[in-house]
């Protein structure tokens, strides 16, 4: 049985597992395991800090300029994003929302 305080996280994790695309035939499940590990790290960090997660995927990568790079994600203002919000991944700070 899942303790009461971890039920929401367990549900989100189960939902994420169901949304992962199937690996191509003959390929290891490493991709799925890596995605799940990153998701677990993000949800744990969000729960500890009180932050709200907005799931997003990179849909386009802009040209690299000097030491910066821009990416376009599939989430926006409807999901609560606005300029100058911090962008995180499982390893920590990755960047900020610019528009």
N, C-alpha and C. Protein backbone atom coordinates (compact mmCIF):
# COMPACT_ATOMS: atom_id res chain seq x y z
N UNK A 1 0.84 -1.18 0.00
CA UNK A 1 0.00 0.00 0.00
C UNK A 1 0.89 1.24 0.00
N UNK A 2 0.48 2.27 -0.74
CA UNK A 2 1.24 3.51 -0.84
C UNK A 2 0.82 4.43 0.29
N UNK A 3 1.79 4.99 1.06
CA UNK A 3 1.42 5.92 2.13
C UNK A 3 0.63 7.10 1.58
N UNK A 4 -0.28 7.63 2.41
CA UNK A 4 -1.17 8.72 1.99
C UNK A 4 -0.42 9.90 1.39
N UNK A 5 0.71 10.33 1.99
CA UNK A 5 1.41 11.52 1.51
C UNK A 5 2.10 11.30 0.17
N UNK A 6 2.32 10.07 -0.26
CA UNK A 6 2.99 9.84 -1.53
C UNK A 6 2.03 9.44 -2.65
N UNK A 7 0.76 9.34 -2.36
CA UNK A 7 -0.19 8.92 -3.39
C UNK A 7 -0.21 9.84 -4.61
N UNK A 8 -0.26 11.18 -4.45
CA UNK A 8 -0.27 12.02 -5.65
C UNK A 8 0.98 11.80 -6.52
N UNK A 9 2.15 11.70 -5.90
CA UNK A 9 3.37 11.47 -6.66
C UNK A 9 3.33 10.11 -7.35
N UNK A 10 2.80 9.11 -6.67
CA UNK A 10 2.71 7.77 -7.26
C UNK A 10 1.77 7.79 -8.47
N UNK A 11 0.67 8.54 -8.38
CA UNK A 11 -0.24 8.63 -9.51
C UNK A 11 0.41 9.33 -10.69
N UNK A 12 1.14 10.44 -10.42
CA UNK A 12 1.81 11.16 -11.50
C UNK A 12 2.86 10.27 -12.16
N UNK A 13 3.58 9.52 -11.35
CA UNK A 13 4.61 8.63 -11.89
C UNK A 13 3.97 7.55 -12.75
N UNK A 14 2.86 6.97 -12.28
CA UNK A 14 2.18 5.94 -13.06
C UNK A 14 1.66 6.50 -14.37
N UNK A 15 1.15 7.72 -14.33
CA UNK A 15 0.67 8.35 -15.56
C UNK A 15 1.81 8.58 -16.53
N UNK A 16 2.96 9.00 -16.02
CA UNK A 16 4.11 9.25 -16.88
C UNK A 16 4.59 7.96 -17.54
N UNK A 17 4.58 6.89 -16.78
CA UNK A 17 5.02 5.61 -17.33
C UNK A 17 4.13 5.21 -18.49
N UNK A 18 2.83 5.44 -18.36
CA UNK A 18 1.90 5.09 -19.43
C UNK A 18 2.06 5.96 -20.66
N UNK A 19 2.62 7.15 -20.51
CA UNK A 19 2.76 8.07 -21.63
C UNK A 19 4.07 7.88 -22.39
N UNK A 20 4.99 7.12 -21.85
CA UNK A 20 6.26 6.93 -22.52
C UNK A 20 6.06 6.15 -23.81
N UNK A 21 6.66 6.60 -24.90
CA UNK A 21 6.52 5.86 -26.15
C UNK A 21 7.25 4.52 -26.06
N UNK A 22 6.75 3.55 -26.75
CA UNK A 22 7.38 2.23 -26.76
C UNK A 22 8.73 2.30 -27.45
N UNK A 23 9.69 1.58 -26.91
CA UNK A 23 11.02 1.52 -27.54
C UNK A 23 10.92 0.71 -28.82
N UNK A 24 11.72 1.04 -29.83
CA UNK A 24 11.71 0.26 -31.07
C UNK A 24 12.06 -1.20 -30.80
N UNK A 25 11.56 -2.08 -31.65
CA UNK A 25 11.80 -3.51 -31.48
C UNK A 25 13.29 -3.80 -31.43
N UNK A 26 13.68 -4.69 -30.50
CA UNK A 26 15.07 -5.08 -30.37
C UNK A 26 15.93 -4.10 -29.59
N UNK A 27 15.33 -3.05 -29.07
CA UNK A 27 16.09 -2.04 -28.33
C UNK A 27 15.84 -2.20 -26.84
N UNK A 28 16.85 -1.90 -26.07
CA UNK A 28 16.75 -2.00 -24.62
C UNK A 28 15.71 -1.03 -24.07
N UNK A 29 15.35 -1.22 -22.84
CA UNK A 29 14.43 -0.30 -22.18
C UNK A 29 15.18 0.82 -21.48
N UNK A 30 16.44 1.04 -21.86
CA UNK A 30 17.25 2.08 -21.22
C UNK A 30 16.64 3.46 -21.37
N UNK A 31 16.09 3.75 -22.53
CA UNK A 31 15.48 5.05 -22.75
C UNK A 31 14.34 5.29 -21.77
N UNK A 32 13.47 4.29 -21.63
CA UNK A 32 12.35 4.41 -20.69
C UNK A 32 12.85 4.55 -19.26
N UNK A 33 13.84 3.77 -18.90
CA UNK A 33 14.39 3.84 -17.53
C UNK A 33 15.00 5.21 -17.27
N UNK A 34 15.71 5.76 -18.26
CA UNK A 34 16.32 7.09 -18.09
C UNK A 34 15.25 8.17 -17.94
N UNK A 35 14.20 8.09 -18.75
CA UNK A 35 13.12 9.07 -18.65
C UNK A 35 12.42 8.98 -17.30
N UNK A 36 12.19 7.77 -16.84
CA UNK A 36 11.53 7.57 -15.56
C UNK A 36 12.40 8.08 -14.42
N UNK A 37 13.70 7.82 -14.49
CA UNK A 37 14.62 8.31 -13.45
C UNK A 37 14.64 9.83 -13.43
N UNK A 38 14.64 10.47 -14.59
CA UNK A 38 14.61 11.93 -14.63
C UNK A 38 13.29 12.46 -14.09
N UNK A 39 12.18 11.81 -14.43
CA UNK A 39 10.88 12.22 -13.91
C UNK A 39 10.85 12.10 -12.39
N UNK A 40 11.37 10.98 -11.86
CA UNK A 40 11.40 10.79 -10.40
C UNK A 40 12.22 11.89 -9.73
N UNK A 41 13.37 12.24 -10.32
CA UNK A 41 14.22 13.29 -9.75
C UNK A 41 13.50 14.64 -9.76
N UNK A 42 12.81 14.95 -10.85
CA UNK A 42 12.09 16.22 -10.94
C UNK A 42 10.95 16.29 -9.94
N UNK A 43 10.16 15.23 -9.83
CA UNK A 43 9.03 15.27 -8.90
C UNK A 43 9.52 15.35 -7.46
N UNK A 44 10.60 14.67 -7.15
CA UNK A 44 11.15 14.75 -5.79
C UNK A 44 11.63 16.16 -5.49
N UNK A 45 12.33 16.78 -6.42
CA UNK A 45 12.82 18.15 -6.21
C UNK A 45 11.66 19.13 -6.08
N UNK A 46 10.62 18.95 -6.90
CA UNK A 46 9.47 19.84 -6.84
C UNK A 46 8.73 19.71 -5.51
N UNK A 47 8.57 18.50 -5.04
CA UNK A 47 7.88 18.29 -3.76
C UNK A 47 8.66 18.87 -2.60
N UNK A 48 9.98 18.75 -2.63
CA UNK A 48 10.82 19.30 -1.55
C UNK A 48 10.81 20.81 -1.55
N UNK A 49 10.77 21.43 -2.72
CA UNK A 49 10.87 22.89 -2.80
C UNK A 49 9.52 23.59 -2.88
N UNK A 50 8.45 22.85 -3.09
CA UNK A 50 7.14 23.45 -3.21
C UNK A 50 6.88 24.05 -4.59
N UNK A 51 7.71 23.74 -5.57
CA UNK A 51 7.53 24.25 -6.93
C UNK A 51 6.46 23.45 -7.67
N UNK A 52 5.90 24.05 -8.69
CA UNK A 52 4.94 23.38 -9.55
C UNK A 52 5.64 22.98 -10.84
N UNK A 53 5.48 21.74 -11.23
CA UNK A 53 6.09 21.26 -12.47
C UNK A 53 5.17 21.54 -13.65
N UNK A 54 5.76 21.95 -14.76
CA UNK A 54 5.04 22.09 -16.03
C UNK A 54 5.78 21.19 -17.01
N UNK A 55 5.23 20.01 -17.30
CA UNK A 55 5.90 19.12 -18.23
C UNK A 55 5.96 19.72 -19.62
N UNK A 56 7.09 19.58 -20.28
CA UNK A 56 7.26 20.11 -21.63
C UNK A 56 8.31 19.29 -22.36
N UNK A 57 8.20 19.29 -23.66
CA UNK A 57 9.20 18.63 -24.50
C UNK A 57 9.79 19.65 -25.45
N UNK A 58 11.04 19.46 -25.78
CA UNK A 58 11.70 20.33 -26.76
C UNK A 58 11.17 19.95 -28.14
N UNK A 59 10.67 20.96 -28.87
CA UNK A 59 10.13 20.70 -30.20
C UNK A 59 10.99 21.33 -31.29
N UNK A 60 11.90 22.23 -30.93
CA UNK A 60 12.81 22.84 -31.90
C UNK A 60 14.03 23.37 -31.18
N UNK A 61 15.17 23.34 -31.85
CA UNK A 61 16.42 23.85 -31.30
C UNK A 61 16.93 24.96 -32.21
N UNK A 62 17.21 26.13 -31.61
CA UNK A 62 17.72 27.26 -32.37
C UNK A 62 19.23 27.16 -32.54
N UNK A 63 19.81 28.04 -33.35
CA UNK A 63 21.25 28.02 -33.56
C UNK A 63 22.01 28.42 -32.29
N UNK A 64 23.16 27.82 -32.09
CA UNK A 64 24.00 28.18 -30.94
C UNK A 64 24.68 29.51 -31.24
N UNK A 65 24.62 30.42 -30.29
CA UNK A 65 25.26 31.72 -30.43
C UNK A 65 26.15 31.92 -29.22
N UNK A 66 27.43 31.96 -29.45
CA UNK A 66 28.40 32.11 -28.37
C UNK A 66 28.20 30.96 -27.38
N UNK A 67 27.85 31.26 -26.13
CA UNK A 67 27.64 30.21 -25.13
C UNK A 67 26.17 29.96 -24.85
N UNK A 68 25.28 30.52 -25.65
CA UNK A 68 23.86 30.33 -25.39
C UNK A 68 23.20 29.56 -26.52
N UNK A 69 22.12 28.93 -26.20
CA UNK A 69 21.34 28.18 -27.17
C UNK A 69 19.87 28.34 -26.79
N UNK A 70 19.01 28.43 -27.76
CA UNK A 70 17.59 28.53 -27.48
C UNK A 70 16.88 27.27 -27.95
N UNK A 71 15.84 26.91 -27.23
CA UNK A 71 14.99 25.80 -27.63
C UNK A 71 13.54 26.25 -27.54
N UNK A 72 12.70 25.63 -28.33
CA UNK A 72 11.26 25.87 -28.27
C UNK A 72 10.63 24.65 -27.63
N UNK A 73 9.76 24.88 -26.66
CA UNK A 73 9.09 23.78 -25.98
C UNK A 73 7.60 23.80 -26.29
N UNK A 74 6.93 22.72 -25.96
CA UNK A 74 5.50 22.59 -26.27
C UNK A 74 4.61 22.98 -25.09
N UNK A 75 5.03 23.96 -24.30
CA UNK A 75 4.22 24.50 -23.21
C UNK A 75 4.36 26.01 -23.25
N UNK A 76 3.33 26.71 -22.79
CA UNK A 76 3.39 28.17 -22.85
C UNK A 76 2.56 28.83 -21.78
N UNK A 77 2.02 29.99 -22.11
CA UNK A 77 1.29 30.79 -21.12
C UNK A 77 0.05 30.07 -20.58
N UNK A 78 -0.59 29.26 -21.38
CA UNK A 78 -1.76 28.51 -20.88
C UNK A 78 -1.38 27.54 -19.77
N UNK A 79 -0.13 27.10 -19.79
CA UNK A 79 0.37 26.19 -18.75
C UNK A 79 0.94 26.97 -17.56
N UNK A 80 0.88 28.31 -17.63
CA UNK A 80 1.36 29.13 -16.53
C UNK A 80 2.78 29.64 -16.69
N UNK A 81 3.38 29.42 -17.85
CA UNK A 81 4.74 29.90 -18.08
C UNK A 81 4.72 31.38 -18.45
N UNK A 82 5.76 32.09 -18.02
CA UNK A 82 5.90 33.51 -18.35
C UNK A 82 7.40 33.83 -18.38
N UNK A 83 7.78 34.94 -19.00
CA UNK A 83 9.21 35.29 -19.08
C UNK A 83 9.87 35.34 -17.71
N UNK A 84 11.14 34.96 -17.70
CA UNK A 84 12.02 34.97 -16.53
C UNK A 84 11.78 33.85 -15.53
N UNK A 85 10.90 32.89 -15.83
CA UNK A 85 10.79 31.72 -14.95
C UNK A 85 12.01 30.83 -15.16
N UNK A 86 12.39 30.12 -14.13
CA UNK A 86 13.53 29.22 -14.18
C UNK A 86 13.15 27.91 -14.86
N UNK A 87 14.06 27.38 -15.67
CA UNK A 87 13.86 26.09 -16.32
C UNK A 87 14.83 25.10 -15.67
N UNK A 88 14.28 23.98 -15.19
CA UNK A 88 15.07 22.97 -14.50
C UNK A 88 14.94 21.63 -15.19
N UNK A 89 15.96 20.81 -14.97
CA UNK A 89 15.82 19.39 -15.29
C UNK A 89 16.29 18.63 -14.07
N UNK A 90 16.44 17.32 -14.15
CA UNK A 90 16.82 16.53 -12.99
C UNK A 90 18.18 16.89 -12.41
N UNK A 91 19.03 17.54 -13.20
CA UNK A 91 20.37 17.91 -12.74
C UNK A 91 20.42 19.32 -12.15
N UNK A 92 19.37 20.11 -12.32
CA UNK A 92 19.35 21.46 -11.78
C UNK A 92 18.97 22.50 -12.82
N UNK A 93 19.52 23.70 -12.67
CA UNK A 93 19.20 24.83 -13.53
C UNK A 93 19.68 24.59 -14.96
N UNK A 94 18.77 24.83 -15.92
CA UNK A 94 19.12 24.70 -17.34
C UNK A 94 19.02 26.03 -18.06
N UNK A 95 18.13 26.90 -17.60
CA UNK A 95 17.97 28.17 -18.27
C UNK A 95 16.79 28.94 -17.72
N UNK A 96 16.24 29.84 -18.58
CA UNK A 96 15.08 30.62 -18.17
C UNK A 96 14.18 30.83 -19.37
N UNK A 97 12.93 31.11 -19.07
CA UNK A 97 11.95 31.39 -20.12
C UNK A 97 12.21 32.80 -20.61
N UNK A 98 12.31 32.99 -21.94
CA UNK A 98 12.59 34.34 -22.44
C UNK A 98 11.37 34.99 -23.09
N UNK A 99 10.40 34.22 -23.53
CA UNK A 99 9.15 34.83 -24.03
C UNK A 99 8.05 33.80 -24.07
